[in-house]
Amino acid sequence: MLSFLAIIALSAAVVHSAPFTEYEYWKISHPGVLVTTEINWQGAKRYFPDVLHSSGSGCISILAYSDVANKVSSFGPDIGAECWLYTDDGCVSGPNSQPFGPIFNPGVSDMTAWTNSMYLNNQTGENALRNFNDKVASFRCINPATNPKDTALRA
């Protein structure tokens, strides 16, 4: 049985954790995204760092990376990122390319189980049910804490 002093010492250790390191602060404010080519985080892996500070429109093309292009089966943003996926390059949505999201940490480990059903009212014809496994061509992420009203991704 633990002595009274041992219990106090353990309690103090639990309550007083070390402050964030400079790297941990950087990581939270500069999240990345992990994609894999198989479900449940298996297969080829690619990490896209600092997705909130990507150049240009903020759209990241997966097609530029042959190891994961049109093969994404798991998608995992770090804490601090809200991401939307697109089946067309350039983060473009249209009648045949509805955005998929939002996706938050820990992400989606099995893209075969996720469809566009929550985004489309009419599930026939050109709006027929589609899943996103092996179809992601691009994605865009924002920080929901600093961009709570950013609706550009939800269009």
N, C-alpha and C. Protein backbone atom coordinates (compact mmCIF):
# COMPACT_ATOMS: atom_id res chain seq x y z
N MET A 1 0.84 -1.17 0.00
CA MET A 1 0.00 0.00 0.00
C MET A 1 0.90 1.24 0.00
N LEU A 2 0.49 2.23 -0.76
CA LEU A 2 1.28 3.44 -0.87
C LEU A 2 1.17 4.28 0.40
N SER A 3 2.28 4.86 0.77
CA SER A 3 2.28 5.74 1.93
C SER A 3 1.63 7.07 1.57
N PHE A 4 1.26 7.81 2.58
CA PHE A 4 0.63 9.11 2.38
C PHE A 4 1.54 10.03 1.57
N LEU A 5 2.84 10.04 1.86
CA LEU A 5 3.78 10.91 1.14
C LEU A 5 3.92 10.48 -0.32
N ALA A 6 3.89 9.18 -0.57
CA ALA A 6 3.98 8.70 -1.95
C ALA A 6 2.76 9.14 -2.75
N ILE A 7 1.59 9.09 -2.14
CA ILE A 7 0.37 9.52 -2.82
C ILE A 7 0.43 11.01 -3.12
N ILE A 8 0.89 11.81 -2.18
CA ILE A 8 1.03 13.25 -2.39
C ILE A 8 2.02 13.52 -3.53
N ALA A 9 3.13 12.81 -3.54
CA ALA A 9 4.14 13.01 -4.59
C ALA A 9 3.58 12.65 -5.96
N LEU A 10 2.85 11.53 -6.06
CA LEU A 10 2.24 11.14 -7.33
C LEU A 10 1.20 12.15 -7.78
N SER A 11 0.40 12.64 -6.85
CA SER A 11 -0.62 13.64 -7.19
C SER A 11 0.03 14.90 -7.73
N ALA A 12 1.10 15.33 -7.12
CA ALA A 12 1.79 16.53 -7.58
C ALA A 12 2.36 16.33 -8.97
N ALA A 13 2.86 15.13 -9.26
CA ALA A 13 3.42 14.85 -10.58
C ALA A 13 2.34 14.87 -11.64
N VAL A 14 1.16 14.38 -11.30
CA VAL A 14 0.06 14.36 -12.26
C VAL A 14 -0.47 15.77 -12.51
N VAL A 15 -0.65 16.55 -11.48
CA VAL A 15 -1.22 17.89 -11.60
C VAL A 15 -0.26 18.83 -12.30
N HIS A 16 1.02 18.73 -12.02
CA HIS A 16 1.99 19.66 -12.59
C HIS A 16 2.70 18.99 -13.76
N SER A 17 2.20 19.22 -14.96
CA SER A 17 2.87 18.68 -16.13
C SER A 17 3.77 19.75 -16.71
N ALA A 18 4.72 19.31 -17.49
CA ALA A 18 5.67 20.25 -18.09
C ALA A 18 4.94 21.16 -19.07
N PRO A 19 5.36 22.41 -19.19
CA PRO A 19 4.73 23.31 -20.17
C PRO A 19 5.07 22.84 -21.59
N PHE A 20 4.27 23.32 -22.55
CA PHE A 20 4.55 22.99 -23.94
C PHE A 20 5.94 23.46 -24.33
N THR A 21 6.60 22.66 -25.13
CA THR A 21 7.88 23.10 -25.68
C THR A 21 7.60 24.02 -26.86
N GLU A 22 8.62 24.70 -27.31
CA GLU A 22 8.47 25.58 -28.47
C GLU A 22 8.02 24.77 -29.68
N TYR A 23 8.55 23.55 -29.85
CA TYR A 23 8.15 22.71 -30.97
C TYR A 23 6.68 22.33 -30.88
N GLU A 24 6.20 22.00 -29.67
CA GLU A 24 4.79 21.62 -29.51
C GLU A 24 3.86 22.78 -29.86
N TYR A 25 4.21 24.00 -29.47
CA TYR A 25 3.43 25.16 -29.88
C TYR A 25 3.45 25.32 -31.40
N TRP A 26 4.62 25.15 -32.01
CA TRP A 26 4.73 25.27 -33.46
C TRP A 26 3.86 24.22 -34.13
N LYS A 27 3.92 22.98 -33.63
CA LYS A 27 3.17 21.88 -34.23
C LYS A 27 1.66 22.14 -34.18
N ILE A 28 1.17 22.67 -33.07
CA ILE A 28 -0.26 22.95 -32.94
C ILE A 28 -0.68 24.06 -33.90
N SER A 29 0.16 25.05 -34.12
CA SER A 29 -0.20 26.16 -35.00
C SER A 29 0.18 25.90 -36.46
N HIS A 30 0.87 24.82 -36.74
CA HIS A 30 1.27 24.45 -38.10
C HIS A 30 0.94 22.98 -38.36
N PRO A 31 -0.34 22.59 -38.28
CA PRO A 31 -0.68 21.17 -38.43
C PRO A 31 -0.44 20.67 -39.84
N GLY A 32 -0.25 19.37 -39.93
CA GLY A 32 -0.09 18.70 -41.21
C GLY A 32 -1.17 17.66 -41.40
N VAL A 33 -1.04 16.90 -42.48
CA VAL A 33 -2.01 15.85 -42.81
C VAL A 33 -1.25 14.60 -43.22
N LEU A 34 -1.68 13.46 -42.68
CA LEU A 34 -1.15 12.16 -43.08
C LEU A 34 -2.17 11.47 -43.97
N VAL A 35 -1.73 10.99 -45.14
CA VAL A 35 -2.59 10.17 -45.99
C VAL A 35 -1.92 8.82 -46.20
N THR A 36 -2.75 7.78 -46.33
CA THR A 36 -2.23 6.45 -46.63
C THR A 36 -3.04 5.84 -47.76
N THR A 37 -2.46 4.86 -48.43
CA THR A 37 -3.11 4.25 -49.59
C THR A 37 -3.96 3.04 -49.25
N GLU A 38 -3.97 2.63 -48.01
CA GLU A 38 -4.81 1.51 -47.56
C GLU A 38 -5.61 1.97 -46.35
N ILE A 39 -6.72 1.29 -46.09
CA ILE A 39 -7.53 1.66 -44.93
C ILE A 39 -6.78 1.36 -43.64
N ASN A 40 -7.23 1.99 -42.57
CA ASN A 40 -6.65 1.80 -41.23
C ASN A 40 -5.17 2.16 -41.17
N TRP A 41 -4.80 3.21 -41.90
CA TRP A 41 -3.46 3.80 -41.84
C TRP A 41 -2.37 2.86 -42.34
N GLN A 42 -2.71 1.97 -43.28
CA GLN A 42 -1.74 1.03 -43.85
C GLN A 42 -1.36 1.48 -45.26
N GLY A 43 -0.41 0.76 -45.85
CA GLY A 43 0.04 1.06 -47.21
C GLY A 43 1.03 2.20 -47.24
N ALA A 44 1.22 2.75 -48.44
CA ALA A 44 2.15 3.88 -48.60
C ALA A 44 1.62 5.08 -47.82
N LYS A 45 2.55 5.82 -47.22
CA LYS A 45 2.18 6.97 -46.39
C LYS A 45 2.87 8.23 -46.91
N ARG A 46 2.15 9.34 -46.83
CA ARG A 46 2.76 10.64 -47.17
C ARG A 46 2.22 11.65 -46.17
N TYR A 47 3.14 12.45 -45.63
CA TYR A 47 2.77 13.50 -44.68
C TYR A 47 2.93 14.85 -45.36
N PHE A 48 1.87 15.64 -45.35
CA PHE A 48 1.89 16.99 -45.89
C PHE A 48 2.03 17.95 -44.71
N PRO A 49 3.19 18.57 -44.53
CA PRO A 49 3.40 19.44 -43.36
C PRO A 49 2.78 20.83 -43.56
N ASP A 50 2.48 21.47 -42.47
CA ASP A 50 2.10 22.89 -42.44
C ASP A 50 1.02 23.23 -43.46
N VAL A 51 -0.08 22.48 -43.45
CA VAL A 51 -1.13 22.65 -44.47
C VAL A 51 -1.89 23.96 -44.36
N LEU A 52 -1.83 24.64 -43.23
CA LEU A 52 -2.53 25.92 -43.09
C LEU A 52 -1.77 27.06 -43.74
N HIS A 53 -0.51 26.84 -44.03
CA HIS A 53 0.33 27.90 -44.58
C HIS A 53 0.84 27.55 -45.97
N SER A 54 0.07 26.75 -46.71
CA SER A 54 0.48 26.40 -48.07
C SER A 54 0.32 27.63 -48.97
N SER A 55 1.09 27.67 -50.01
CA SER A 55 1.11 28.85 -50.87
C SER A 55 -0.14 28.94 -51.74
N GLY A 56 -0.37 30.09 -52.30
CA GLY A 56 -1.48 30.30 -53.23
C GLY A 56 -2.83 30.23 -52.55
N SER A 57 -3.73 29.47 -53.14
CA SER A 57 -5.11 29.39 -52.67
C SER A 57 -5.28 28.52 -51.43
N GLY A 58 -4.22 27.84 -51.03
CA GLY A 58 -4.32 26.92 -49.91
C GLY A 58 -4.72 25.53 -50.33
N CYS A 59 -4.96 25.34 -51.62
CA CYS A 59 -5.33 24.02 -52.13
C CYS A 59 -4.06 23.19 -52.32
N ILE A 60 -4.10 21.97 -51.85
CA ILE A 60 -2.96 21.07 -51.98
C ILE A 60 -3.35 19.94 -52.92
N SER A 61 -2.61 19.80 -54.01
CA SER A 61 -2.87 18.76 -54.99
C SER A 61 -2.17 17.47 -54.60
N ILE A 62 -2.94 16.41 -54.50
CA ILE A 62 -2.36 15.10 -54.22
C ILE A 62 -1.86 14.47 -55.51
N LEU A 63 -2.39 14.92 -56.65
CA LEU A 63 -2.02 14.33 -57.94
C LEU A 63 -0.54 14.50 -58.25
N ALA A 64 0.12 15.46 -57.62
CA ALA A 64 1.55 15.69 -57.85
C ALA A 64 2.42 14.61 -57.21
N TYR A 65 1.83 13.74 -56.41
CA TYR A 65 2.58 12.71 -55.67
C TYR A 65 2.10 11.33 -56.11
N SER A 66 2.84 10.70 -57.03
CA SER A 66 2.39 9.45 -57.64
C SER A 66 2.19 8.32 -56.63
N ASP A 67 2.89 8.38 -55.49
CA ASP A 67 2.73 7.30 -54.51
C ASP A 67 1.36 7.29 -53.85
N VAL A 68 0.66 8.43 -53.83
CA VAL A 68 -0.66 8.50 -53.20
C VAL A 68 -1.75 9.08 -54.11
N ALA A 69 -1.41 9.53 -55.31
CA ALA A 69 -2.38 10.15 -56.20
C ALA A 69 -3.53 9.20 -56.51
N ASN A 70 -4.75 9.64 -56.24
CA ASN A 70 -5.97 8.85 -56.45
C ASN A 70 -5.91 7.48 -55.79
N LYS A 71 -5.21 7.40 -54.65
CA LYS A 71 -5.10 6.15 -53.91
C LYS A 71 -5.39 6.33 -52.42
N VAL A 72 -5.87 7.50 -52.00
CA VAL A 72 -6.04 7.79 -50.58
C VAL A 72 -7.19 6.97 -49.99
N SER A 73 -6.87 6.18 -48.96
CA SER A 73 -7.88 5.39 -48.25
C SER A 73 -7.99 5.77 -46.79
N SER A 74 -7.02 6.51 -46.25
CA SER A 74 -7.06 7.07 -44.89
C SER A 74 -6.55 8.50 -44.97
N PHE A 75 -7.22 9.41 -44.24
CA PHE A 75 -6.86 10.83 -44.27
C PHE A 75 -6.90 11.35 -42.85
N GLY A 76 -5.76 11.83 -42.34
CA GLY A 76 -5.69 12.25 -40.95
C GLY A 76 -5.03 13.59 -40.72
N PRO A 77 -5.82 14.64 -40.49
CA PRO A 77 -5.22 15.93 -40.15
C PRO A 77 -4.76 15.96 -38.69
N ASP A 78 -3.72 16.72 -38.43
CA ASP A 78 -3.28 16.96 -37.06
C ASP A 78 -4.30 17.84 -36.34
N ILE A 79 -4.19 17.91 -35.02
CA ILE A 79 -5.04 18.80 -34.23
C ILE A 79 -4.81 20.23 -34.72
N GLY A 80 -5.89 20.97 -34.90
CA GLY A 80 -5.79 22.36 -35.34
C GLY A 80 -6.13 22.57 -36.80
N ALA A 81 -6.51 21.50 -37.51
CA ALA A 81 -6.87 21.64 -38.92
C ALA A 81 -8.27 21.07 -39.17
N GLU A 82 -9.04 21.79 -39.96
CA GLU A 82 -10.33 21.34 -40.48
C GLU A 82 -10.14 21.24 -41.98
N CYS A 83 -10.32 20.05 -42.55
CA CYS A 83 -9.99 19.84 -43.96
C CYS A 83 -11.20 19.40 -44.77
N TRP A 84 -11.17 19.77 -46.04
CA TRP A 84 -12.18 19.38 -47.02
C TRP A 84 -11.45 18.73 -48.18
N LEU A 85 -12.00 17.62 -48.67
CA LEU A 85 -11.40 16.86 -49.76
C LEU A 85 -12.20 17.04 -51.04
N TYR A 86 -11.51 16.93 -52.17
CA TYR A 86 -12.14 17.10 -53.48
C TYR A 86 -11.69 15.97 -54.40
N THR A 87 -12.60 15.54 -55.28
CA THR A 87 -12.24 14.50 -56.25
C THR A 87 -11.63 15.10 -57.51
N ASP A 88 -11.68 16.41 -57.65
CA ASP A 88 -11.03 17.09 -58.77
C ASP A 88 -9.81 17.85 -58.25
N ASP A 89 -8.84 18.04 -59.13
CA ASP A 89 -7.67 18.82 -58.77
C ASP A 89 -8.06 20.29 -58.62
N GLY A 90 -7.32 21.03 -57.83
CA GLY A 90 -7.58 22.45 -57.67
C GLY A 90 -8.67 22.78 -56.67
N CYS A 91 -9.09 21.79 -55.87
CA CYS A 91 -10.13 22.00 -54.85
C CYS A 91 -11.39 22.61 -55.46
N VAL A 92 -11.79 22.07 -56.61
CA VAL A 92 -12.96 22.55 -57.33
C VAL A 92 -14.13 21.63 -57.04
N SER A 93 -15.29 22.21 -56.75
CA SER A 93 -16.49 21.39 -56.60
C SER A 93 -17.45 21.74 -57.72
N GLY A 94 -18.22 20.76 -58.12
CA GLY A 94 -19.18 20.95 -59.20
C GLY A 94 -20.18 19.82 -59.17
N PRO A 95 -20.94 19.65 -60.24
CA PRO A 95 -21.99 18.62 -60.23
C PRO A 95 -21.44 17.20 -60.05
N ASN A 96 -20.23 16.95 -60.51
CA ASN A 96 -19.65 15.61 -60.36
C ASN A 96 -18.54 15.56 -59.33
N SER A 97 -18.33 16.63 -58.59
CA SER A 97 -17.25 16.67 -57.61
C SER A 97 -17.69 17.48 -56.40
N GLN A 98 -18.38 16.83 -55.49
CA GLN A 98 -18.80 17.49 -54.26
C GLN A 98 -17.68 17.42 -53.23
N PRO A 99 -17.50 18.45 -52.42
CA PRO A 99 -16.48 18.39 -51.37
C PRO A 99 -16.87 17.39 -50.29
N PHE A 100 -15.88 16.84 -49.65
CA PHE A 100 -16.07 15.86 -48.58
C PHE A 100 -15.47 16.42 -47.31
N GLY A 101 -16.27 16.62 -46.30
CA GLY A 101 -15.75 17.14 -45.05
C GLY A 101 -16.84 17.78 -44.23
N PRO A 102 -16.51 18.42 -43.17
CA PRO A 102 -15.15 18.65 -42.69
C PRO A 102 -14.57 17.43 -42.00
N ILE A 103 -13.26 17.30 -42.07
CA ILE A 103 -12.54 16.23 -41.40
C ILE A 103 -11.61 16.87 -40.37
N PHE A 104 -11.72 16.40 -39.14
CA PHE A 104 -10.89 16.86 -38.03
C PHE A 104 -10.03 15.71 -37.54
N ASN A 105 -9.06 16.00 -36.68
CA ASN A 105 -8.25 14.98 -36.04
C ASN A 105 -9.15 14.09 -35.20
N PRO A 106 -9.05 12.78 -35.26
CA PRO A 106 -7.95 12.00 -35.79
C PRO A 106 -8.07 11.66 -37.28
N GLY A 107 -9.18 12.02 -37.92
CA GLY A 107 -9.33 11.77 -39.33
C GLY A 107 -10.24 10.61 -39.64
N VAL A 108 -10.13 10.13 -40.88
CA VAL A 108 -10.95 9.02 -41.37
C VAL A 108 -10.00 7.88 -41.71
N SER A 109 -10.12 6.78 -40.98
CA SER A 109 -9.21 5.65 -41.21
C SER A 109 -9.68 4.75 -42.34
N ASP A 110 -10.95 4.83 -42.72
CA ASP A 110 -11.50 3.96 -43.76
C ASP A 110 -12.40 4.77 -44.69
N MET A 111 -11.82 5.27 -45.77
CA MET A 111 -12.57 6.09 -46.72
C MET A 111 -13.63 5.28 -47.47
N THR A 112 -13.53 3.95 -47.48
CA THR A 112 -14.55 3.15 -48.16
C THR A 112 -15.90 3.26 -47.47
N ALA A 113 -15.90 3.63 -46.20
CA ALA A 113 -17.14 3.73 -45.43
C ALA A 113 -17.76 5.12 -45.50
N TRP A 114 -17.09 6.09 -46.12
CA TRP A 114 -17.60 7.46 -46.17
C TRP A 114 -18.09 7.79 -47.56
N THR A 115 -19.29 8.38 -47.64
CA THR A 115 -19.87 8.75 -48.94
C THR A 115 -20.30 10.20 -48.91
N ASN A 116 -20.80 10.66 -50.04
CA ASN A 116 -21.30 12.03 -50.14
C ASN A 116 -22.76 12.13 -49.73
N SER A 117 -23.32 11.10 -49.13
CA SER A 117 -24.76 11.09 -48.82
C SER A 117 -25.19 12.24 -47.95
N MET A 118 -24.31 12.74 -47.10
CA MET A 118 -24.71 13.84 -46.21
C MET A 118 -24.71 15.19 -46.92
N TYR A 119 -24.21 15.25 -48.15
CA TYR A 119 -24.12 16.52 -48.84
C TYR A 119 -25.10 16.66 -50.00
N LEU A 120 -25.66 15.56 -50.45
CA LEU A 120 -26.55 15.61 -51.60
C LEU A 120 -27.95 15.15 -51.21
N ASN A 121 -28.95 15.91 -51.63
CA ASN A 121 -30.33 15.53 -51.35
C ASN A 121 -30.84 14.50 -52.34
N ASN A 122 -30.45 14.65 -53.59
CA ASN A 122 -30.92 13.75 -54.64
C ASN A 122 -29.85 12.69 -54.89
N GLN A 123 -30.16 11.45 -54.63
CA GLN A 123 -29.16 10.38 -54.75
C GLN A 123 -29.30 9.58 -56.05
N THR A 124 -29.83 10.19 -57.10
CA THR A 124 -29.98 9.49 -58.37
C THR A 124 -29.24 10.26 -59.45
N GLY A 125 -29.07 9.62 -60.59
CA GLY A 125 -28.44 10.27 -61.72
C GLY A 125 -27.04 10.76 -61.41
N GLU A 126 -26.73 12.01 -61.79
CA GLU A 126 -25.39 12.54 -61.57
C GLU A 126 -25.07 12.73 -60.09
N ASN A 127 -26.09 12.71 -59.24
CA ASN A 127 -25.87 12.83 -57.81
C ASN A 127 -25.88 11.48 -57.11
N ALA A 128 -25.72 10.40 -57.86
CA ALA A 128 -25.74 9.07 -57.26
C ALA A 128 -24.68 8.97 -56.17
N LEU A 129 -24.97 8.13 -55.21
CA LEU A 129 -24.09 7.96 -54.06
C LEU A 129 -22.68 7.59 -54.50
N ARG A 130 -21.69 8.33 -54.00
CA ARG A 130 -20.29 8.06 -54.34
C ARG A 130 -19.49 7.98 -53.06
N ASN A 131 -18.55 7.04 -53.01
CA ASN A 131 -17.63 7.08 -51.86
C ASN A 131 -16.33 7.72 -52.33
N PHE A 132 -15.49 8.07 -51.38
CA PHE A 132 -14.30 8.86 -51.68
C PHE A 132 -13.02 8.04 -51.66
N ASN A 133 -13.13 6.73 -51.48
CA ASN A 133 -11.93 5.90 -51.45
C ASN A 133 -11.23 5.92 -52.81
N ASP A 134 -9.95 6.17 -52.80
CA ASP A 134 -9.12 6.20 -54.01
C ASP A 134 -9.55 7.25 -55.03
N LYS A 135 -10.24 8.29 -54.58
CA LYS A 135 -10.71 9.32 -55.50
C LYS A 135 -10.27 10.73 -55.13
N VAL A 136 -9.60 10.91 -54.01
CA VAL A 136 -9.21 12.25 -53.57
C VAL A 136 -8.07 12.77 -54.43
N ALA A 137 -8.29 13.93 -55.05
CA ALA A 137 -7.28 14.55 -55.91
C ALA A 137 -6.65 15.78 -55.26
N SER A 138 -7.40 16.44 -54.36
CA SER A 138 -6.88 17.65 -53.72
C SER A 138 -7.60 17.87 -52.40
N PHE A 139 -7.00 18.74 -51.55
CA PHE A 139 -7.65 19.08 -50.29
C PHE A 139 -7.23 20.47 -49.85
N ARG A 140 -8.04 21.04 -48.98
CA ARG A 140 -7.78 22.37 -48.43
C ARG A 140 -8.11 22.33 -46.94
N CYS A 141 -7.28 22.97 -46.12
CA CYS A 141 -7.50 22.97 -44.67
C CYS A 141 -7.49 24.40 -44.13
N ILE A 142 -8.26 24.60 -43.07
CA ILE A 142 -8.26 25.87 -42.35
C ILE A 142 -8.10 25.56 -40.87
N ASN A 143 -7.83 26.60 -40.09
CA ASN A 143 -7.83 26.47 -38.64
C ASN A 143 -9.20 26.93 -38.17
N PRO A 144 -10.05 26.03 -37.67
CA PRO A 144 -11.40 26.43 -37.29
C PRO A 144 -11.44 27.43 -36.14
N ALA A 145 -10.40 27.49 -35.34
CA ALA A 145 -10.37 28.44 -34.23
C ALA A 145 -10.14 29.86 -34.70
N THR A 146 -9.36 30.02 -35.76
CA THR A 146 -9.06 31.37 -36.25
C THR A 146 -9.91 31.76 -37.45
N ASN A 147 -10.57 30.78 -38.09
CA ASN A 147 -11.42 31.05 -39.25
C ASN A 147 -12.81 30.46 -39.04
N PRO A 148 -13.50 30.75 -37.95
CA PRO A 148 -14.78 30.09 -37.69
C PRO A 148 -15.87 30.42 -38.70
N LYS A 149 -15.76 31.54 -39.38
CA LYS A 149 -16.80 31.92 -40.33
C LYS A 149 -16.35 31.72 -41.77
N ASP A 150 -15.22 31.06 -41.98
CA ASP A 150 -14.72 30.83 -43.33
C ASP A 150 -15.60 29.80 -44.01
N THR A 151 -16.47 30.24 -44.90
CA THR A 151 -17.39 29.33 -45.56
C THR A 151 -16.94 28.98 -46.97
N ALA A 152 -15.78 29.46 -47.38
CA ALA A 152 -15.31 29.18 -48.73
C ALA A 152 -15.17 27.69 -48.98
N LEU A 153 -14.80 26.93 -47.97
CA LEU A 153 -14.62 25.49 -48.15
C LEU A 153 -15.95 24.77 -48.23
N ARG A 154 -16.99 25.37 -47.72
CA ARG A 154 -18.28 24.69 -47.63
C ARG A 154 -19.16 24.98 -48.84
N ALA A 155 -18.65 25.68 -49.80
CA ALA A 155 -19.45 26.07 -50.97
C ALA A 155 -19.68 24.89 -51.88
